[in-house]
Every structure is written in structure tokens, then in C-alpha cells.
Protein backbone atom coordinates (compact mmCIF):
# COMPACT_ATOMS: atom_id res chain seq x y z
CA MET A 1 0.00 0.00 0.00
CA GLU A 2 2.83 2.43 0.79
CA ASN A 3 4.17 1.91 -2.74
CA ARG A 4 0.76 2.85 -4.21
CA ILE A 5 0.59 6.00 -2.08
CA ALA A 6 4.14 6.97 -3.04
CA GLN A 7 3.28 6.37 -6.70
CA LEU A 8 0.17 8.56 -6.41
CA LYS A 9 2.26 11.36 -4.90
CA ALA A 10 4.83 11.07 -7.70
CA ASP A 11 2.07 11.03 -10.34
CA ALA A 12 0.38 14.06 -8.75
CA ASP A 13 3.70 15.96 -8.76
CA LYS A 14 4.17 15.14 -12.48
CA LEU A 15 0.61 16.24 -13.22
CA MET A 16 1.16 19.59 -11.48
CA GLU A 17 4.43 20.08 -13.40
CA LYS A 18 2.51 19.41 -16.61
CA ALA A 19 -0.17 21.93 -15.55
CA GLU A 20 2.50 24.60 -15.02
CA THR A 21 3.77 24.21 -18.60
CA MET A 22 0.32 24.47 -20.17
CA CYS A 23 -1.60 27.62 -20.93
CA PRO A 24 -3.00 28.73 -17.60
CA VAL A 25 -6.71 28.63 -16.98
CA SER A 26 -8.23 32.09 -16.72
CA LEU A 27 -8.49 32.35 -12.93
CA VAL A 28 -7.99 35.23 -10.59
CA ASN A 29 -4.58 34.55 -8.99
CA ASP A 30 -5.34 36.66 -5.93
CA PRO A 31 -9.12 36.89 -5.58
CA GLY A 32 -8.86 39.62 -2.99
CA ILE A 33 -9.26 40.51 0.64
CA GLY A 34 -11.18 38.03 2.72
CA VAL A 35 -10.36 34.96 0.65
CA ASN A 36 -8.93 31.93 2.45
CA ALA A 37 -5.65 31.41 0.55
CA ASP A 38 -5.42 27.70 1.45
CA ALA A 39 -8.93 26.95 0.18
CA TRP A 40 -8.36 28.95 -3.02
CA GLU A 41 -5.07 27.10 -3.68
CA ARG A 42 -6.75 23.71 -3.20
CA TYR A 43 -9.44 24.77 -5.67
CA ARG A 44 -6.82 25.94 -8.21
CA THR A 45 -4.92 22.65 -7.82
CA ILE A 46 -8.07 20.59 -8.44
CA LEU A 47 -8.87 22.60 -11.57
CA ASN A 48 -5.29 22.56 -12.87
CA GLY A 49 -5.15 18.79 -12.42
CA PHE A 50 -8.19 18.31 -14.64
CA ILE A 51 -6.94 20.78 -17.24
CA ALA A 52 -3.54 19.05 -17.39
CA ALA A 53 -5.20 15.63 -17.67
CA LYS A 54 -7.73 16.68 -20.31
CA GLY A 55 -5.90 14.89 -23.13
CA ASP A 56 -6.12 11.62 -21.19
CA MET A 57 -9.81 12.01 -20.44
CA SER A 58 -11.65 10.91 -23.57
CA GLY A 59 -14.89 10.43 -21.63
CA VAL A 60 -14.82 13.95 -20.17
CA LEU A 61 -17.30 16.22 -21.91
CA ASP A 62 -16.86 19.44 -19.94
CA VAL A 63 -15.14 20.99 -16.92
CA LYS A 64 -17.02 23.86 -15.22
CA TYR A 65 -15.43 26.22 -12.73
CA LEU A 66 -15.54 29.77 -11.37
CA GLN A 67 -12.85 32.31 -12.26
CA SER A 68 -13.23 33.95 -8.86
CA PRO A 69 -15.22 33.11 -5.72
CA ASP A 70 -18.87 34.09 -5.52
CA THR A 71 -19.52 36.38 -2.57
CA GLU A 72 -22.88 34.66 -1.99
CA ASP A 73 -21.33 31.22 -1.34
CA ASP A 74 -18.76 29.95 1.14
CA PHE A 75 -17.43 27.37 -1.32
CA VAL A 76 -16.02 27.02 -4.82
CA SER A 77 -16.30 23.92 -6.93
CA VAL A 78 -15.11 22.20 -10.07
CA THR A 79 -17.67 20.06 -11.87
CA VAL A 80 -16.59 17.42 -14.37
CA LYS A 81 -19.18 16.15 -16.86
CA LEU A 82 -18.49 12.65 -18.19
CA ASP A 83 -20.02 9.97 -20.34
CA LYS A 84 -21.67 7.62 -17.84
CA ALA A 85 -19.62 4.72 -19.20
CA CYS A 86 -16.01 5.84 -19.59
CA THR A 87 -12.59 4.60 -18.58
CA LEU A 88 -10.06 7.06 -17.26
CA HIS A 89 -6.37 6.22 -17.47
CA SER A 90 -3.09 7.61 -16.16
CA ASP A 91 -3.31 11.42 -15.72
CA ALA A 92 -7.11 11.35 -15.56
CA ARG A 93 -7.08 8.83 -12.74
CA THR A 94 -4.46 10.89 -10.90
CA ALA A 95 -6.53 14.08 -11.37
CA LEU A 96 -9.60 12.35 -9.90
CA ALA A 97 -7.66 11.00 -6.91
CA LEU A 98 -6.02 14.38 -6.28
CA ALA A 99 -9.35 16.22 -6.55
CA ALA A 100 -11.08 13.79 -4.18
CA THR A 101 -8.24 14.22 -1.69
CA LEU A 102 -8.22 18.03 -1.80
CA ALA A 103 -11.99 18.60 -1.89
CA ASP A 104 -14.07 19.00 1.24
CA MET A 105 -17.05 17.35 -0.45
CA VAL A 106 -17.48 15.18 -3.54
CA THR A 107 -20.91 14.62 -5.06
CA MET A 108 -21.90 12.51 -8.05
CA THR A 109 -25.06 12.75 -10.09
CA THR A 110 -26.23 10.79 -13.12
CA ASN A 111 -28.91 11.47 -15.66
CA GLY A 112 -29.37 9.29 -18.72
CA ASP A 113 -25.96 8.58 -20.20
CA ARG A 114 -24.19 11.46 -18.39
CA MET A 115 -22.49 11.76 -15.01
CA TRP A 116 -21.40 14.87 -13.12
CA ILE A 117 -18.77 14.79 -10.39
CA ASN A 118 -18.54 17.92 -8.28
CA PHE A 119 -15.48 18.67 -6.14
CA ALA A 120 -16.30 21.42 -3.62
CA VAL A 121 -13.83 23.32 -1.45
CA GLY A 122 -15.49 25.02 1.50
CA GLY A 123 -14.43 27.88 3.72
CA ILE A 124 -13.40 30.08 0.80
CA TRP A 125 -13.93 33.20 2.91
CA LYS A 126 -11.82 33.92 6.00
CA GLU A 127 -13.59 33.70 9.34
CA ASP A 128 -11.95 36.82 10.83
CA GLY A 129 -14.58 39.36 9.86
CA ASN A 130 -12.86 40.43 6.63
CA ASN A 131 -15.34 38.55 4.49
CA ALA A 132 -16.26 40.13 1.20
CA HIS A 133 -19.94 39.21 1.72
């Protein structure tokens, strides 16, 4: 088991290196005062993992995300839309494992021949009274 965990860590590091060399996703790097930097970084890492793995995700139909946090919500999320019957290999599998590890909540929904997996990161706003909402 330790070998599998070490391999996942190595694969995740490679995936993040790949993400750094790709065209960056249009996200606000510093979303502003009141944002929990740790939560925002986890969100960015989840999204970057899916973007870097996109070429290895033939069953992925769409990746939805926010460019900056919504002041009405205390979470941000990345939603991946897939064919209900798909096989994910290599980078895609690593992106899913990394996202599930970094997210505070994972939800899955199916409808017909489609599946949506939502990776939510909570606590996007600081608790010290500097909230933007």
C-alpha cells in the first residue's frame, strides 16, 4: 500500500508540473481581501489537475469552474461532466484522486448517459470578519 501511495504522490507531482507548462486557466490569482488562501489554492490545484489531464480524459465532456469566488457562497467547486460509461487512465485517474483528496465534499449525479462529479472546497472566505460578503 505504501508503494501505491508513493506512486500517487509522484504522479500528482508530475501532473502539477505538466499543468504549469500548459496555458494557464483564466483564474484570478489573488481573488482579494477576505479569501482563504489555502482553500483557493486547493481549488486551483483541483482545476489545474483536470486541465492538465484533459488529453487523457476521452470520456470527459466538460469541466465547469468559477474564475473567482462568488460572494454569496462559502465554497467554490469544479464540476466534471463525463459519459456515464467511460474509462479514465493515467493522468485522468491521478486528477480524480487528487481532486477527491483536496476537496471537502465530492458529489456525483447521473442522468441518462451522463455523469457529473462535483469537487467542492469550503471555507473560501476567511472567518476573521474580513469577508467580502
